């Protein structure tokens, strides 16, 4: 097998499911992580800085009419350093708005 095509096992250990994507807010602002994909007061559970790597759990997008945006479920390391799940605006991780 060509070395360029071999899987790096150390890199693969970092994958916890889904596809790894990078948070990109295009600003200094952090990206809000929601407990569910629909707009509701108090459903923000965390915020991630640009450059943070997250795993998309599914490729299914959920549209929130309240914000006019698609959301995708992710797995991420929370403020306490524990893996958690939440919803992020799809465009922030390179998926269709």
PDB file of N, CA and C in Angstrom:
ATOM      1  N   UNK A   1       0.843  -1.185   0.000  1.00  0.00           N
ATOM      2  CA  UNK A   1       0.000   0.000   0.000  1.00  0.00           C
ATOM      3  C   UNK A   1       0.884   1.243   0.000  1.00  0.00           C
ATOM      4  N   UNK A   2       0.516   2.222  -0.756  1.00  0.00           N
ATOM      5  CA  UNK A   2       1.241   3.478  -0.821  1.00  0.00           C
ATOM      6  C   UNK A   2       1.148   4.185   0.533  1.00  0.00           C
ATOM      7  N   UNK A   3       2.274   4.713   1.036  1.00  0.00           N
ATOM      8  CA  UNK A   3       2.295   5.374   2.340  1.00  0.00           C
ATOM      9  C   UNK A   3       1.288   6.514   2.439  1.00  0.00           C
ATOM     10  N   UNK A   4       1.049   7.224   1.340  1.00  0.00           N
ATOM     11  CA  UNK A   4       0.116   8.351   1.366  1.00  0.00           C
ATOM     12  C   UNK A   4      -1.311   7.902   1.655  1.00  0.00           C
ATOM     13  N   UNK A   5      -1.629   6.651   1.350  1.00  0.00           N
ATOM     14  CA  UNK A   5      -2.989   6.157   1.525  1.00  0.00           C
ATOM     15  C   UNK A   5      -3.198   5.386   2.826  1.00  0.00           C
ATOM     16  N   UNK A   6      -2.138   5.180   3.599  1.00  0.00           N
ATOM     17  CA  UNK A   6      -2.268   4.437   4.842  1.00  0.00           C
ATOM     18  C   UNK A   6      -2.954   5.289   5.901  1.00  0.00           C
ATOM     19  N   UNK A   7      -3.778   4.639   6.708  1.00  0.00           N
ATOM     20  CA  UNK A   7      -4.434   5.329   7.807  1.00  0.00           C
ATOM     21  C   UNK A   7      -3.451   5.514   8.949  1.00  0.00           C
ATOM     22  N   UNK A   8      -3.444   6.679   9.522  1.00  0.00           N
ATOM     23  CA  UNK A   8      -2.628   6.958  10.684  1.00  0.00           C
ATOM     24  C   UNK A   8      -3.466   6.593  11.907  1.00  0.00           C
ATOM     25  N   UNK A   9      -3.102   5.523  12.598  1.00  0.00           N
ATOM     26  CA  UNK A   9      -3.905   5.045  13.727  1.00  0.00           C
ATOM     27  C   UNK A   9      -3.985   6.063  14.851  1.00  0.00           C
ATOM     28  N   UNK A  10      -2.930   6.826  15.071  1.00  0.00           N
ATOM     29  CA  UNK A  10      -2.958   7.849  16.108  1.00  0.00           C
ATOM     30  C   UNK A  10      -4.014   8.911  15.780  1.00  0.00           C
ATOM     31  N   UNK A  11      -4.089   9.323  14.523  1.00  0.00           N
ATOM     32  CA  UNK A  11      -5.106  10.291  14.114  1.00  0.00           C
ATOM     33  C   UNK A  11      -6.504   9.700  14.237  1.00  0.00           C
ATOM     34  N   UNK A  12      -6.661   8.430  13.888  1.00  0.00           N
ATOM     35  CA  UNK A  12      -7.974   7.793  13.942  1.00  0.00           C
ATOM     36  C   UNK A  12      -8.495   7.681  15.369  1.00  0.00           C
ATOM     37  N   UNK A  13      -7.606   7.597  16.355  1.00  0.00           N
ATOM     38  CA  UNK A  13      -8.038   7.527  17.748  1.00  0.00           C
ATOM     39  C   UNK A  13      -8.733   8.810  18.182  1.00  0.00           C
ATOM     40  N   UNK A  14      -8.467   9.902  17.492  1.00  0.00           N
ATOM     41  CA  UNK A  14      -9.077  11.182  17.833  1.00  0.00           C
ATOM     42  C   UNK A  14     -10.523  11.281  17.359  1.00  0.00           C
ATOM     43  N   UNK A  15     -10.937  10.418  16.460  1.00  0.00           N
ATOM     44  CA  UNK A  15     -12.289  10.466  15.905  1.00  0.00           C
ATOM     45  C   UNK A  15     -13.235   9.748  16.854  1.00  0.00           C
ATOM     46  N   UNK A  16     -14.257  10.452  17.303  1.00  0.00           N
ATOM     47  CA  UNK A  16     -15.191   9.843  18.252  1.00  0.00           C
ATOM     48  C   UNK A  16     -16.549   9.595  17.617  1.00  0.00           C
ATOM     49  N   UNK A  17     -16.646   9.725  16.318  1.00  0.00           N
ATOM     50  CA  UNK A  17     -17.904   9.473  15.618  1.00  0.00           C
ATOM     51  C   UNK A  17     -18.182  10.566  14.614  1.00  0.00           C
ATOM     52  N   UNK A  18     -18.852  10.228  13.538  1.00  0.00           N
ATOM     53  CA  UNK A  18     -19.203  11.238  12.548  1.00  0.00           C
ATOM     54  C   UNK A  18     -17.998  11.762  11.797  1.00  0.00           C
ATOM     55  N   UNK A  19     -18.108  12.982  11.321  1.00  0.00           N
ATOM     56  CA  UNK A  19     -17.065  13.627  10.538  1.00  0.00           C
ATOM     57  C   UNK A  19     -16.524  14.807  11.326  1.00  0.00           C
ATOM     58  N   UNK A  20     -15.211  14.901  11.427  1.00  0.00           N
ATOM     59  CA  UNK A  20     -14.624  16.041  12.126  1.00  0.00           C
ATOM     60  C   UNK A  20     -14.741  17.290  11.261  1.00  0.00           C
ATOM     61  N   UNK A  21     -15.161  18.371  11.893  1.00  0.00           N
ATOM     62  CA  UNK A  21     -15.282  19.666  11.222  1.00  0.00           C
ATOM     63  C   UNK A  21     -14.714  20.739  12.135  1.00  0.00           C
ATOM     64  N   UNK A  22     -14.308  21.849  11.525  1.00  0.00           N
ATOM     65  CA  UNK A  22     -13.715  22.949  12.287  1.00  0.00           C
ATOM     66  C   UNK A  22     -14.715  24.088  12.394  1.00  0.00           C
ATOM     67  N   UNK A  23     -14.895  24.591  13.622  1.00  0.00           N
ATOM     68  CA  UNK A  23     -15.766  25.741  13.867  1.00  0.00           C
ATOM     69  C   UNK A  23     -15.104  26.969  13.254  1.00  0.00           C
ATOM     70  N   UNK A  24     -15.876  27.741  12.459  1.00  0.00           N
ATOM     71  CA  UNK A  24     -15.364  28.963  11.846  1.00  0.00           C
ATOM     72  C   UNK A  24     -16.446  30.030  11.901  1.00  0.00           C
ATOM     73  N   UNK A  25     -16.307  30.962  12.840  1.00  0.00           N
ATOM     74  CA  UNK A  25     -17.291  32.040  12.972  1.00  0.00           C
ATOM     75  C   UNK A  25     -16.939  33.250  12.112  1.00  0.00           C
ATOM     76  N   UNK A  26     -15.740  33.279  11.556  1.00  0.00           N
ATOM     77  CA  UNK A  26     -15.238  34.416  10.769  1.00  0.00           C
ATOM     78  C   UNK A  26     -15.140  35.699  11.588  1.00  0.00           C
ATOM     79  N   UNK A  27     -15.240  35.590  12.910  1.00  0.00           N
ATOM     80  CA  UNK A  27     -15.107  36.740  13.811  1.00  0.00           C
ATOM     81  C   UNK A  27     -14.426  36.257  15.089  1.00  0.00           C
ATOM     82  N   UNK A  28     -14.253  37.169  16.033  1.00  0.00           N
ATOM     83  CA  UNK A  28     -13.718  36.789  17.344  1.00  0.00           C
ATOM     84  C   UNK A  28     -14.809  36.200  18.234  1.00  0.00           C
ATOM     85  N   UNK A  29     -16.067  36.284  17.788  1.00  0.00           N
ATOM     86  CA  UNK A  29     -17.183  35.752  18.575  1.00  0.00           C
ATOM     87  C   UNK A  29     -17.136  34.231  18.619  1.00  0.00           C
ATOM     88  N   UNK A  30     -17.664  33.680  19.695  1.00  0.00           N
ATOM     89  CA  UNK A  30     -17.765  32.226  19.817  1.00  0.00           C
ATOM     90  C   UNK A  30     -19.087  31.760  19.217  1.00  0.00           C
ATOM     91  N   UNK A  31     -19.118  30.507  18.796  1.00  0.00           N
ATOM     92  CA  UNK A  31     -20.324  29.906  18.223  1.00  0.00           C
ATOM     93  C   UNK A  31     -21.168  29.311  19.346  1.00  0.00           C
ATOM     94  N   UNK A  32     -22.447  29.643  19.343  1.00  0.00           N
ATOM     95  CA  UNK A  32     -23.362  29.126  20.359  1.00  0.00           C
ATOM     96  C   UNK A  32     -23.667  27.656  20.102  1.00  0.00           C
ATOM     97  N   UNK A  33     -23.648  26.873  21.163  1.00  0.00           N
ATOM     98  CA  UNK A  33     -24.052  25.472  21.111  1.00  0.00           C
ATOM     99  C   UNK A  33     -25.379  25.382  21.847  1.00  0.00           C
ATOM    100  N   UNK A  34     -26.381  24.804  21.186  1.00  0.00           N
ATOM    101  CA  UNK A  34     -27.728  24.726  21.745  1.00  0.00           C
ATOM    102  C   UNK A  34     -28.039  23.321  22.244  1.00  0.00           C
ATOM    103  N   UNK A  35     -28.988  23.261  23.159  1.00  0.00           N
ATOM    104  CA  UNK A  35     -29.450  21.958  23.643  1.00  0.00           C
ATOM    105  C   UNK A  35     -30.394  21.307  22.642  1.00  0.00           C
ATOM    106  N   UNK A  36     -31.016  22.112  21.789  1.00  0.00           N
ATOM    107  CA  UNK A  36     -31.883  21.603  20.720  1.00  0.00           C
ATOM    108  C   UNK A  36     -31.798  22.570  19.545  1.00  0.00           C
ATOM    109  N   UNK A  37     -32.240  22.159  18.359  1.00  0.00           N
ATOM    110  CA  UNK A  37     -32.048  23.003  17.177  1.00  0.00           C
ATOM    111  C   UNK A  37     -33.042  24.153  17.031  1.00  0.00           C
ATOM    112  N   UNK A  38     -33.991  24.270  17.926  1.00  0.00           N
ATOM    113  CA  UNK A  38     -35.013  25.299  17.762  1.00  0.00           C
ATOM    114  C   UNK A  38     -34.808  26.443  18.741  1.00  0.00           C
ATOM    115  N   UNK A  39     -35.096  27.654  18.262  1.00  0.00           N
ATOM    116  CA  UNK A  39     -34.864  28.846  19.071  1.00  0.00           C
ATOM    117  C   UNK A  39     -35.765  28.826  20.298  1.00  0.00           C
ATOM    118  N   UNK A  40     -35.149  28.973  21.432  1.00  0.00           N
ATOM    119  CA  UNK A  40     -35.886  29.040  22.688  1.00  0.00           C
ATOM    120  C   UNK A  40     -34.997  29.745  23.706  1.00  0.00           C
ATOM    121  N   UNK A  41     -35.582  30.575  24.553  1.00  0.00           N
ATOM    122  CA  UNK A  41     -34.766  31.254  25.567  1.00  0.00           C
ATOM    123  C   UNK A  41     -34.046  30.245  26.464  1.00  0.00           C
ATOM    124  N   UNK A  42     -32.778  30.478  26.680  1.00  0.00           N
ATOM    125  CA  UNK A  42     -32.026  29.655  27.613  1.00  0.00           C
ATOM    126  C   UNK A  42     -31.578  28.299  27.114  1.00  0.00           C
ATOM    127  N   UNK A  43     -31.609  28.057  25.791  1.00  0.00           N
ATOM    128  CA  UNK A  43     -31.181  26.728  25.340  1.00  0.00           C
ATOM    129  C   UNK A  43     -29.711  26.675  24.934  1.00  0.00           C
ATOM    130  N   UNK A  44     -28.950  27.760  25.141  1.00  0.00           N
ATOM    131  CA  UNK A  44     -27.514  27.723  24.856  1.00  0.00           C
ATOM    132  C   UNK A  44     -26.815  27.000  26.001  1.00  0.00           C
ATOM    133  N   UNK A  45     -26.078  25.944  25.661  1.00  0.00           N
ATOM    134  CA  UNK A  45     -25.405  25.153  26.692  1.00  0.00           C
ATOM    135  C   UNK A  45     -23.895  25.378  26.721  1.00  0.00           C
ATOM    136  N   UNK A  46     -23.352  25.977  25.664  1.00  0.00           N
ATOM    137  CA  UNK A  46     -21.914  26.213  25.609  1.00  0.00           C
ATOM    138  C   UNK A  46     -21.624  27.149  24.443  1.00  0.00           C
ATOM    139  N   UNK A  47     -20.367  27.529  24.283  1.00  0.00           N
ATOM    140  CA  UNK A  47     -19.929  28.349  23.156  1.00  0.00           C
ATOM    141  C   UNK A  47     -18.518  27.909  22.788  1.00  0.00           C
ATOM    142  N   UNK A  48     -18.251  27.814  21.488  1.00  0.00           N
ATOM    143  CA  UNK A  48     -16.953  27.332  21.017  1.00  0.00           C
ATOM    144  C   UNK A  48     -16.261  28.387  20.163  1.00  0.00           C
ATOM    145  N   UNK A  49     -14.967  28.522  20.344  1.00  0.00           N
ATOM    146  CA  UNK A  49     -14.166  29.469  19.578  1.00  0.00           C
ATOM    147  C   UNK A  49     -13.863  28.924  18.188  1.00  0.00           C
ATOM    148  N   UNK A  50     -13.614  29.847  17.258  1.00  0.00           N
ATOM    149  CA  UNK A  50     -13.172  29.442  15.920  1.00  0.00           C
ATOM    150  C   UNK A  50     -11.914  28.594  16.053  1.00  0.00           C
ATOM    151  N   UNK A  51     -11.816  27.576  15.209  1.00  0.00           N
ATOM    152  CA  UNK A  51     -10.669  26.682  15.238  1.00  0.00           C
ATOM    153  C   UNK A  51     -10.903  25.417  16.045  1.00  0.00           C
ATOM    154  N   UNK A  52     -11.978  25.385  16.833  1.00  0.00           N
ATOM    155  CA  UNK A  52     -12.303  24.195  17.622  1.00  0.00           C
ATOM    156  C   UNK A  52     -12.763  23.079  16.692  1.00  0.00           C
ATOM    157  N   UNK A  53     -12.272  21.871  16.917  1.00  0.00           N
ATOM    158  CA  UNK A  53     -12.675  20.713  16.118  1.00  0.00           C
ATOM    159  C   UNK A  53     -13.835  20.018  16.819  1.00  0.00           C
ATOM    160  N   UNK A  54     -14.896  19.738  16.044  1.00  0.00           N
ATOM    161  CA  UNK A  54     -16.067  19.033  16.563  1.00  0.00           C
ATOM    162  C   UNK A  54     -16.360  17.851  15.645  1.00  0.00           C
ATOM    163  N   UNK A  55     -17.145  16.906  16.136  1.00  0.00           N
ATOM    164  CA  UNK A  55     -17.602  15.779  15.320  1.00  0.00           C
ATOM    165  C   UNK A  55     -19.076  15.974  15.019  1.00  0.00           C
ATOM    166  N   UNK A  56     -19.439  15.925  13.740  1.00  0.00           N
ATOM    167  CA  UNK A  56     -20.863  15.922  13.415  1.00  0.00           C
ATOM    168  C   UNK A  56     -21.364  14.504  13.635  1.00  0.00           C
ATOM    169  N   UNK A  57     -22.447  14.365  14.389  1.00  0.00           N
ATOM    170  CA  UNK A  57     -22.990  13.053  14.727  1.00  0.00           C
ATOM    171  C   UNK A  57     -23.795  12.496  13.565  1.00  0.00           C
ATOM    172  N   UNK A  58     -24.449  13.375  12.845  1.00  0.00           N
ATOM    173  CA  UNK A  58     -25.272  12.976  11.711  1.00  0.00           C
ATOM    174  C   UNK A  58     -25.099  14.006  10.608  1.00  0.00           C
ATOM    175  N   UNK A  59     -25.387  13.628   9.376  1.00  0.00           N
ATOM    176  CA  UNK A  59     -25.340  14.611   8.290  1.00  0.00           C
ATOM    177  C   UNK A  59     -26.713  15.231   8.062  1.00  0.00           C
ATOM    178  N   UNK A  60     -27.692  14.859   8.891  1.00  0.00           N
ATOM    179  CA  UNK A  60     -29.047  15.394   8.762  1.00  0.00           C
ATOM    180  C   UNK A  60     -29.111  16.799   9.359  1.00  0.00           C
ATOM    181  N   UNK A  61     -29.576  17.751   8.556  1.00  0.00           N
ATOM    182  CA  UNK A  61     -29.726  19.124   9.015  1.00  0.00           C
ATOM    183  C   UNK A  61     -31.165  19.357   9.452  1.00  0.00           C
ATOM    184  N   UNK A  62     -31.333  20.165  10.500  1.00  0.00           N
ATOM    185  CA  UNK A  62     -32.661  20.515  10.998  1.00  0.00           C
ATOM    186  C   UNK A  62     -32.829  22.016  10.818  1.00  0.00           C
ATOM    187  N   UNK A  63     -33.917  22.427  10.153  1.00  0.00           N
ATOM    188  CA  UNK A  63     -34.160  23.842   9.868  1.00  0.00           C
ATOM    189  C   UNK A  63     -34.972  24.470  10.994  1.00  0.00           C
ATOM    190  N   UNK A  64     -34.489  25.608  11.509  1.00  0.00           N
ATOM    191  CA  UNK A  64     -35.205  26.374  12.528  1.00  0.00           C
ATOM    192  C   UNK A  64     -35.822  27.595  11.857  1.00  0.00           C
ATOM    193  N   UNK A  65     -37.134  27.617  11.738  1.00  0.00           N
ATOM    194  CA  UNK A  65     -37.821  28.740  11.095  1.00  0.00           C
ATOM    195  C   UNK A  65     -37.603  30.041  11.853  1.00  0.00           C
ATOM    196  N   UNK A  66     -37.422  29.968  13.157  1.00  0.00           N
ATOM    197  CA  UNK A  66     -37.217  31.166  13.972  1.00  0.00           C
ATOM    198  C   UNK A  66     -35.962  31.933  13.610  1.00  0.00           C
ATOM    199  N   UNK A  67     -34.911  31.223  13.228  1.00  0.00           N
ATOM    200  CA  UNK A  67     -33.649  31.878  12.866  1.00  0.00           C
ATOM    201  C   UNK A  67     -33.376  31.824  11.370  1.00  0.00           C
ATOM    202  N   UNK A  68     -34.107  30.965  10.659  1.00  0.00           N
ATOM    203  CA  UNK A  68     -33.873  30.804   9.227  1.00  0.00           C
ATOM    204  C   UNK A  68     -32.584  30.066   8.915  1.00  0.00           C
ATOM    205  N   UNK A  69     -32.111  29.244   9.859  1.00  0.00           N
ATOM    206  CA  UNK A  69     -30.841  28.539   9.679  1.00  0.00           C
ATOM    207  C   UNK A  69     -31.012  27.042   9.887  1.00  0.00           C
ATOM    208  N   UNK A  70     -30.103  26.299   9.263  1.00  0.00           N
ATOM    209  CA  UNK A  70     -30.004  24.861   9.500  1.00  0.00           C
ATOM    210  C   UNK A  70     -29.080  24.617  10.687  1.00  0.00           C
ATOM    211  N   UNK A  71     -29.368  23.570  11.432  1.00  0.00           N
ATOM    212  CA  UNK A  71     -28.533  23.162  12.562  1.00  0.00           C
ATOM    213  C   UNK A  71     -28.159  21.700  12.399  1.00  0.00           C
ATOM    214  N   UNK A  72     -26.999  21.332  12.936  1.00  0.00           N
ATOM    215  CA  UNK A  72     -26.514  19.955  12.878  1.00  0.00           C
ATOM    216  C   UNK A  72     -26.083  19.550  14.289  1.00  0.00           C
ATOM    217  N   UNK A  73     -26.317  18.284  14.620  1.00  0.00           N
ATOM    218  CA  UNK A  73     -25.941  17.781  15.945  1.00  0.00           C
ATOM    219  C   UNK A  73     -24.458  17.448  15.954  1.00  0.00           C
ATOM    220  N   UNK A  74     -23.783  17.876  17.016  1.00  0.00           N
ATOM    221  CA  UNK A  74     -22.337  17.664  17.134  1.00  0.00           C
ATOM    222  C   UNK A  74     -21.971  17.047  18.482  1.00  0.00           C
ATOM    223  N   UNK A  75     -20.759  16.506  18.516  1.00  0.00           N
ATOM    224  CA  UNK A  75     -20.123  16.057  19.755  1.00  0.00           C
ATOM    225  C   UNK A  75     -18.900  16.957  19.914  1.00  0.00           C
ATOM    226  N   UNK A  76     -18.704  17.473  21.115  1.00  0.00           N
ATOM    227  CA  UNK A  76     -17.615  18.419  21.356  1.00  0.00           C
ATOM    228  C   UNK A  76     -17.126  18.283  22.793  1.00  0.00           C
ATOM    229  N   UNK A  77     -15.958  18.842  23.058  1.00  0.00           N
ATOM    230  CA  UNK A  77     -15.431  18.857  24.422  1.00  0.00           C
ATOM    231  C   UNK A  77     -15.929  20.145  25.079  1.00  0.00           C
ATOM    232  N   UNK A  78     -16.693  20.004  26.186  1.00  0.00           N
ATOM    233  CA  UNK A  78     -17.280  21.180  26.829  1.00  0.00           C
ATOM    234  C   UNK A  78     -16.275  21.904  27.722  1.00  0.00           C
ATOM    235  N   UNK A  79     -16.737  22.946  28.400  1.00  0.00           N
ATOM    236  CA  UNK A  79     -15.859  23.773  29.242  1.00  0.00           C
ATOM    237  C   UNK A  79     -15.164  22.979  30.341  1.00  0.00           C
ATOM    238  N   UNK A  80     -15.792  21.890  30.757  1.00  0.00           N
ATOM    239  CA  UNK A  80     -15.222  21.053  31.815  1.00  0.00           C
ATOM    240  C   UNK A  80     -14.281  19.986  31.257  1.00  0.00           C
ATOM    241  N   UNK A  81     -14.111  19.963  29.929  1.00  0.00           N
ATOM    242  CA  UNK A  81     -13.240  18.983  29.298  1.00  0.00           C
ATOM    243  C   UNK A  81     -13.892  17.634  29.078  1.00  0.00           C
ATOM    244  N   UNK A  82     -15.215  17.595  29.194  1.00  0.00           N
ATOM    245  CA  UNK A  82     -15.976  16.358  29.039  1.00  0.00           C
ATOM    246  C   UNK A  82     -16.659  16.367  27.674  1.00  0.00           C
ATOM    247  N   UNK A  83     -16.685  15.216  27.004  1.00  0.00           N
ATOM    248  CA  UNK A  83     -17.381  15.135  25.722  1.00  0.00           C
ATOM    249  C   UNK A  83     -18.877  15.327  25.949  1.00  0.00           C
ATOM    250  N   UNK A  84     -19.483  16.184  25.135  1.00  0.00           N
ATOM    251  CA  UNK A  84     -20.904  16.503  25.248  1.00  0.00           C
ATOM    252  C   UNK A  84     -21.504  16.560  23.850  1.00  0.00           C
ATOM    253  N   UNK A  85     -22.828  16.611  23.786  1.00  0.00           N
ATOM    254  CA  UNK A  85     -23.530  16.730  22.512  1.00  0.00           C
ATOM    255  C   UNK A  85     -24.394  17.977  22.531  1.00  0.00           C
ATOM    256  N   UNK A  86     -24.553  18.581  21.357  1.00  0.00           N
ATOM    257  CA  UNK A  86     -25.391  19.760  21.224  1.00  0.00           C
ATOM    258  C   UNK A  86     -25.614  20.060  19.754  1.00  0.00           C
ATOM    259  N   UNK A  87     -26.230  21.193  19.483  1.00  0.00           N
ATOM    260  CA  UNK A  87     -26.558  21.607  18.119  1.00  0.00           C
ATOM    261  C   UNK A  87     -25.852  22.916  17.801  1.00  0.00           C
ATOM    262  N   UNK A  88     -25.311  23.016  16.572  1.00  0.00           N
ATOM    263  CA  UNK A  88     -24.610  24.219  16.123  1.00  0.00           C
ATOM    264  C   UNK A  88     -25.152  24.605  14.750  1.00  0.00           C
ATOM    265  N   UNK A  89     -25.120  25.909  14.453  1.00  0.00           N
ATOM    266  CA  UNK A  89     -25.538  26.373  13.128  1.00  0.00           C
ATOM    267  C   UNK A  89     -24.651  25.699  12.079  1.00  0.00           C
ATOM    268  N   UNK A  90     -25.283  25.083  11.094  1.00  0.00           N
ATOM    269  CA  UNK A  90     -24.572  24.285  10.093  1.00  0.00           C
ATOM    270  C   UNK A  90     -23.516  25.091   9.342  1.00  0.00           C
ATOM    271  N   UNK A  91     -23.807  26.350   9.028  1.00  0.00           N
ATOM    272  CA  UNK A  91     -22.865  27.157   8.248  1.00  0.00           C
ATOM    273  C   UNK A  91     -21.554  27.389   8.996  1.00  0.00           C
ATOM    274  N   UNK A  92     -21.572  27.318  10.306  1.00  0.00           N
ATOM    275  CA  UNK A  92     -20.371  27.551  11.107  1.00  0.00           C
ATOM    276  C   UNK A  92     -19.388  26.388  10.998  1.00  0.00           C
ATOM    277  N   UNK A  93     -19.878  25.224  10.591  1.00  0.00           N
ATOM    278  CA  UNK A  93     -18.988  24.072  10.400  1.00  0.00           C
ATOM    279  C   UNK A  93     -18.916  23.663   8.928  1.00  0.00           C
ATOM    280  N   UNK A  94     -19.224  24.612   8.026  1.00  0.00           N
ATOM    281  CA  UNK A  94     -19.037  24.386   6.592  1.00  0.00           C
ATOM    282  C   UNK A  94     -20.146  23.652   5.876  1.00  0.00           C
ATOM    283  N   UNK A  95     -21.318  23.547   6.491  1.00  0.00           N
ATOM    284  CA  UNK A  95     -22.466  22.903   5.852  1.00  0.00           C
ATOM    285  C   UNK A  95     -23.438  23.973   5.357  1.00  0.00           C
ATOM    286  N   UNK A  96     -24.401  23.614   4.508  1.00  0.00           N
ATOM    287  CA  UNK A  96     -25.334  24.614   3.969  1.00  0.00           C
ATOM    288  C   UNK A  96     -26.121  25.341   5.044  1.00  0.00           C
ATOM    289  N   UNK A  97     -26.245  26.657   4.859  1.00  0.00           N
ATOM    290  CA  UNK A  97     -27.014  27.477   5.788  1.00  0.00           C
ATOM    291  C   UNK A  97     -28.464  27.109   5.693  1.00  0.00           C
TER     292      UNK A  97
END
